Amino acid sequence: MSIHDRLVTFRLASRQLFNGFFRHSIKSAAALEDEERFGNVEDELFSMLVSDPEGIANTTYHEPQHEILIKFQAGIRSKRWLVNRASSWGEEICPDDAELHFEAFFDWDQMGVKDYQYVRVWVADCPSQIPLVGMEALVEFQDVEFVRKGTTLEA
């Protein structure tokens, strides 16, 4: 199974677990505690479905995954992303030379129904725009492929 397929499977499993078993309880008085519990489950799920089978050691979900790169799918004409600049998200065009590392799947509403429309990425390198290095950005899930560092996209 490819890293792309593993992450797609994880995305589906994580959102199904949250929407089916945690979302309702998050509306309760113990919402923050339940959200933390889901985070623990999600961390373990990521290990079991992605990092362990891929042999990626010392990973924590929601932190930059230096072995998992994000590439825009072939044929995407406009590589749009939302860049987090000083706690404000702005839409821009992603430079072609940006090296993006996977962090997590993302939705704006953390307590509502999860769809994981976005992929949160960490900019590891960008020679054409050095100030972007170290920033976080969001890209649409439908626009990307997940690739293991050191491999190439399959045609």
C-alpha atoms as a PDB file:
ATOM      1  CA  MET A   1       0.000   0.000   0.000  1.00  0.00           C
ATOM      2  CA  SER A   2       1.379   3.446  -0.891  1.00  0.00           C
ATOM      3  CA  ILE A   3       1.834   6.234   1.646  1.00  0.00           C
ATOM      4  CA  HIS A   4      -0.906   8.115  -0.218  1.00  0.00           C
ATOM      5  CA  ASP A   5      -3.345   5.236   0.256  1.00  0.00           C
ATOM      6  CA  ARG A   6      -2.371   4.889   3.932  1.00  0.00           C
ATOM      7  CA  LEU A   7      -3.111   8.568   4.578  1.00  0.00           C
ATOM      8  CA  VAL A   8      -6.415   8.430   2.700  1.00  0.00           C
ATOM      9  CA  THR A   9      -7.385   5.414   4.828  1.00  0.00           C
ATOM     10  CA  PHE A  10      -6.335   7.215   8.007  1.00  0.00           C
ATOM     11  CA  ARG A  11      -8.334  10.309   7.025  1.00  0.00           C
ATOM     12  CA  LEU A  12     -11.476   8.234   6.501  1.00  0.00           C
ATOM     13  CA  ALA A  13     -11.017   6.211   9.701  1.00  0.00           C
ATOM     14  CA  SER A  14     -10.266   9.267  11.840  1.00  0.00           C
ATOM     15  CA  ARG A  15     -13.231  11.278  10.674  1.00  0.00           C
ATOM     16  CA  GLN A  16     -15.549   8.260  10.982  1.00  0.00           C
ATOM     17  CA  LEU A  17     -14.414   7.688  14.569  1.00  0.00           C
ATOM     18  CA  PHE A  18     -14.884  11.342  15.471  1.00  0.00           C
ATOM     19  CA  ASN A  19     -18.203  11.855  13.702  1.00  0.00           C
ATOM     20  CA  GLY A  20     -19.688   8.558  14.835  1.00  0.00           C
ATOM     21  CA  PHE A  21     -18.394   8.240  18.376  1.00  0.00           C
ATOM     22  CA  PHE A  22     -16.875  11.489  19.708  1.00  0.00           C
ATOM     23  CA  ARG A  23     -18.711  14.422  18.119  1.00  0.00           C
ATOM     24  CA  HIS A  24     -21.894  13.980  20.134  1.00  0.00           C
ATOM     25  CA  SER A  25     -20.058  13.841  23.428  1.00  0.00           C
ATOM     26  CA  ILE A  26     -18.017  16.918  22.536  1.00  0.00           C
ATOM     27  CA  LYS A  27     -21.235  18.954  22.821  1.00  0.00           C
ATOM     28  CA  SER A  28     -21.328  18.005  26.487  1.00  0.00           C
ATOM     29  CA  ALA A  29     -19.916  19.828  29.496  1.00  0.00           C
ATOM     30  CA  ALA A  30     -16.807  17.635  29.285  1.00  0.00           C
ATOM     31  CA  ALA A  31     -16.115  18.711  25.688  1.00  0.00           C
ATOM     32  CA  LEU A  32     -12.446  19.610  26.170  1.00  0.00           C
ATOM     33  CA  GLU A  33     -11.727  16.362  27.985  1.00  0.00           C
ATOM     34  CA  ASP A  34     -13.466  14.373  25.240  1.00  0.00           C
ATOM     35  CA  GLU A  35     -11.545  16.259  22.567  1.00  0.00           C
ATOM     36  CA  GLU A  36      -8.288  15.332  24.307  1.00  0.00           C
ATOM     37  CA  ARG A  37      -9.396  11.691  24.452  1.00  0.00           C
ATOM     38  CA  PHE A  38     -10.081  11.735  20.732  1.00  0.00           C
ATOM     39  CA  GLY A  39      -6.618  13.242  20.166  1.00  0.00           C
ATOM     40  CA  ASN A  40      -5.080  10.278  21.983  1.00  0.00           C
ATOM     41  CA  VAL A  41      -7.069   7.822  19.867  1.00  0.00           C
ATOM     42  CA  GLU A  42      -6.146   9.722  16.692  1.00  0.00           C
ATOM     43  CA  ASP A  43      -2.427   9.627  17.604  1.00  0.00           C
ATOM     44  CA  GLU A  44      -2.577   5.847  18.028  1.00  0.00           C
ATOM     45  CA  LEU A  45      -4.607   5.421  14.840  1.00  0.00           C
ATOM     46  CA  PHE A  46      -1.988   7.408  12.887  1.00  0.00           C
ATOM     47  CA  SER A  47       0.752   5.172  14.284  1.00  0.00           C
ATOM     48  CA  MET A  48      -1.113   1.982  13.444  1.00  0.00           C
ATOM     49  CA  LEU A  49      -2.273   2.955   9.939  1.00  0.00           C
ATOM     50  CA  VAL A  50       0.558   5.175   8.694  1.00  0.00           C
ATOM     51  CA  SER A  51       3.829   5.533  10.588  1.00  0.00           C
ATOM     52  CA  ASP A  52       4.330   1.976  11.902  1.00  0.00           C
ATOM     53  CA  PRO A  53       3.631   0.180   8.571  1.00  0.00           C
ATOM     54  CA  GLU A  54       5.886   2.701   6.803  1.00  0.00           C
ATOM     55  CA  GLY A  55       8.665   2.294   9.364  1.00  0.00           C
ATOM     56  CA  ILE A  56       8.604   5.999  10.240  1.00  0.00           C
ATOM     57  CA  ALA A  57       9.883   6.283  13.801  1.00  0.00           C
ATOM     58  CA  ASN A  58       9.373   9.014  16.381  1.00  0.00           C
ATOM     59  CA  THR A  59       6.314  10.614  14.839  1.00  0.00           C
ATOM     60  CA  THR A  60       3.459  12.412  16.523  1.00  0.00           C
ATOM     61  CA  TYR A  61       0.323  13.300  14.643  1.00  0.00           C
ATOM     62  CA  HIS A  62      -0.215  17.090  14.366  1.00  0.00           C
ATOM     63  CA  GLU A  63       3.543  17.690  14.117  1.00  0.00           C
ATOM     64  CA  PRO A  64       5.573  17.985  10.895  1.00  0.00           C
ATOM     65  CA  GLN A  65       6.130  14.559   9.362  1.00  0.00           C
ATOM     66  CA  HIS A  66       9.508  14.989   7.705  1.00  0.00           C
ATOM     67  CA  GLU A  67       9.192  11.700   5.815  1.00  0.00           C
ATOM     68  CA  ILE A  68       5.801  12.567   4.264  1.00  0.00           C
ATOM     69  CA  LEU A  69       5.794  15.170   1.510  1.00  0.00           C
ATOM     70  CA  ILE A  70       2.801  16.927  -0.007  1.00  0.00           C
ATOM     71  CA  LYS A  71       2.790  17.384  -3.775  1.00  0.00           C
ATOM     72  CA  PHE A  72       0.104  19.061  -5.841  1.00  0.00           C
ATOM     73  CA  GLN A  73      -1.571  16.631  -8.225  1.00  0.00           C
ATOM     74  CA  ALA A  74      -0.505  16.790 -11.846  1.00  0.00           C
ATOM     75  CA  GLY A  75      -2.825  19.019 -13.801  1.00  0.00           C
ATOM     76  CA  ILE A  76      -3.656  21.406 -10.951  1.00  0.00           C
ATOM     77  CA  ARG A  77      -3.434  24.758 -12.701  1.00  0.00           C
ATOM     78  CA  SER A  78      -3.511  26.994  -9.671  1.00  0.00           C
ATOM     79  CA  LYS A  79      -1.596  25.738  -6.645  1.00  0.00           C
ATOM     80  CA  ARG A  80      -3.612  27.700  -4.106  1.00  0.00           C
ATOM     81  CA  TRP A  81      -2.974  27.500  -0.408  1.00  0.00           C
ATOM     82  CA  LEU A  82      -3.802  29.399   2.748  1.00  0.00           C
ATOM     83  CA  VAL A  83      -0.665  30.596   4.531  1.00  0.00           C
ATOM     84  CA  ASN A  84      -0.640  31.366   8.239  1.00  0.00           C
ATOM     85  CA  ARG A  85       1.069  34.744   8.619  1.00  0.00           C
ATOM     86  CA  ALA A  86       0.964  36.199  12.128  1.00  0.00           C
ATOM     87  CA  SER A  87      -2.125  34.132  13.069  1.00  0.00           C
ATOM     88  CA  SER A  88      -4.012  35.248   9.968  1.00  0.00           C
ATOM     89  CA  TRP A  89      -4.723  32.883   7.073  1.00  0.00           C
ATOM     90  CA  GLY A  90      -4.345  34.386   3.593  1.00  0.00           C
ATOM     91  CA  GLU A  91      -4.881  32.793   0.192  1.00  0.00           C
ATOM     92  CA  GLU A  92      -1.820  32.742  -2.053  1.00  0.00           C
ATOM     93  CA  ILE A  93      -0.245  30.703  -4.826  1.00  0.00           C
ATOM     94  CA  CYS A  94       2.198  28.095  -3.546  1.00  0.00           C
ATOM     95  CA  PRO A  95       5.665  28.537  -5.066  1.00  0.00           C
ATOM     96  CA  ASP A  96       6.720  25.616  -7.276  1.00  0.00           C
ATOM     97  CA  ASP A  97       9.900  25.095  -5.263  1.00  0.00           C
ATOM     98  CA  ALA A  98       8.203  24.824  -1.850  1.00  0.00           C
ATOM     99  CA  GLU A  99       8.885  21.575   0.003  1.00  0.00           C
ATOM    100  CA  LEU A 100       5.774  20.786   2.041  1.00  0.00           C
ATOM    101  CA  HIS A 101       5.695  18.293   4.894  1.00  0.00           C
ATOM    102  CA  PHE A 102       2.477  16.717   6.160  1.00  0.00           C
ATOM    103  CA  GLU A 103       1.254  17.743   9.625  1.00  0.00           C
ATOM    104  CA  ALA A 104      -2.416  16.775   9.892  1.00  0.00           C
ATOM    105  CA  PHE A 105      -5.831  16.871   8.325  1.00  0.00           C
ATOM    106  CA  PHE A 106      -7.784  19.999   9.197  1.00  0.00           C
ATOM    107  CA  ASP A 107     -11.259  21.498   9.450  1.00  0.00           C
ATOM    108  CA  TRP A 108     -12.079  24.999  10.662  1.00  0.00           C
ATOM    109  CA  ASP A 109     -14.760  23.760  13.077  1.00  0.00           C
ATOM    110  CA  GLN A 110     -12.936  21.484  15.505  1.00  0.00           C
ATOM    111  CA  MET A 111     -16.112  20.510  17.393  1.00  0.00           C
ATOM    112  CA  GLY A 112     -18.519  19.981  14.453  1.00  0.00           C
ATOM    113  CA  VAL A 113     -18.771  17.252  11.826  1.00  0.00           C
ATOM    114  CA  LYS A 114     -15.315  16.535  10.465  1.00  0.00           C
ATOM    115  CA  ASP A 115     -14.711  16.264   6.746  1.00  0.00           C
ATOM    116  CA  TYR A 116     -10.979  17.062   6.761  1.00  0.00           C
ATOM    117  CA  GLN A 117     -11.247  19.268   3.680  1.00  0.00           C
ATOM    118  CA  TYR A 118      -7.723  20.594   4.229  1.00  0.00           C
ATOM    119  CA  VAL A 119      -4.256  19.222   4.795  1.00  0.00           C
ATOM    120  CA  ARG A 120      -2.150  21.256   7.199  1.00  0.00           C
ATOM    121  CA  VAL A 121       1.439  21.427   5.960  1.00  0.00           C
ATOM    122  CA  TRP A 122       4.749  22.773   7.221  1.00  0.00           C
ATOM    123  CA  VAL A 123       7.016  24.586   4.769  1.00  0.00           C
ATOM    124  CA  ALA A 124      10.398  22.865   5.109  1.00  0.00           C
ATOM    125  CA  ASP A 125      12.148  24.683   2.273  1.00  0.00           C
ATOM    126  CA  CYS A 126      11.383  27.329  -0.334  1.00  0.00           C
ATOM    127  CA  PRO A 127      14.455  28.816  -2.047  1.00  0.00           C
ATOM    128  CA  SER A 128      12.400  31.364  -4.005  1.00  0.00           C
ATOM    129  CA  GLN A 129      10.677  32.705  -0.864  1.00  0.00           C
ATOM    130  CA  ILE A 130      12.863  31.965   2.153  1.00  0.00           C
ATOM    131  CA  PRO A 131      10.552  33.772   4.647  1.00  0.00           C
ATOM    132  CA  LEU A 132       7.970  30.995   4.082  1.00  0.00           C
ATOM    133  CA  VAL A 133      10.270  28.368   5.634  1.00  0.00           C
ATOM    134  CA  GLY A 134       8.866  27.213   8.963  1.00  0.00           C
ATOM    135  CA  MET A 135       5.362  28.513   8.279  1.00  0.00           C
ATOM    136  CA  GLU A 136       2.193  26.474   8.283  1.00  0.00           C
ATOM    137  CA  ALA A 137      -0.266  26.427   5.411  1.00  0.00           C
ATOM    138  CA  LEU A 138      -3.474  24.678   4.384  1.00  0.00           C
ATOM    139  CA  VAL A 139      -4.008  22.999   1.038  1.00  0.00           C
ATOM    140  CA  GLU A 140      -7.194  21.342  -0.195  1.00  0.00           C
ATOM    141  CA  PHE A 141      -7.148  17.572   0.250  1.00  0.00           C
ATOM    142  CA  GLN A 142      -8.541  17.043  -3.253  1.00  0.00           C
ATOM    143  CA  ASP A 143      -5.558  18.864  -4.804  1.00  0.00           C
ATOM    144  CA  VAL A 144      -2.701  16.855  -3.303  1.00  0.00           C
ATOM    145  CA  GLU A 145      -0.810  13.586  -3.332  1.00  0.00           C
ATOM    146  CA  PHE A 146       1.148  12.210  -0.385  1.00  0.00           C
ATOM    147  CA  VAL A 147       4.649  10.981  -1.193  1.00  0.00           C
ATOM    148  CA  ARG A 148       7.299   9.340   0.967  1.00  0.00           C
ATOM    149  CA  LYS A 149      10.481  11.436   1.001  1.00  0.00           C
ATOM    150  CA  GLY A 150      13.008   9.991  -1.404  1.00  0.00           C
ATOM    151  CA  THR A 151      10.389   8.563  -3.779  1.00  0.00           C
ATOM    152  CA  THR A 152       8.568  10.073  -6.746  1.00  0.00           C
ATOM    153  CA  LEU A 153       4.941  10.197  -7.793  1.00  0.00           C
ATOM    154  CA  GLU A 154       3.899   7.188  -9.816  1.00  0.00           C
ATOM    155  CA  ALA A 155       2.651   7.981 -13.301  1.00  0.00           C
END
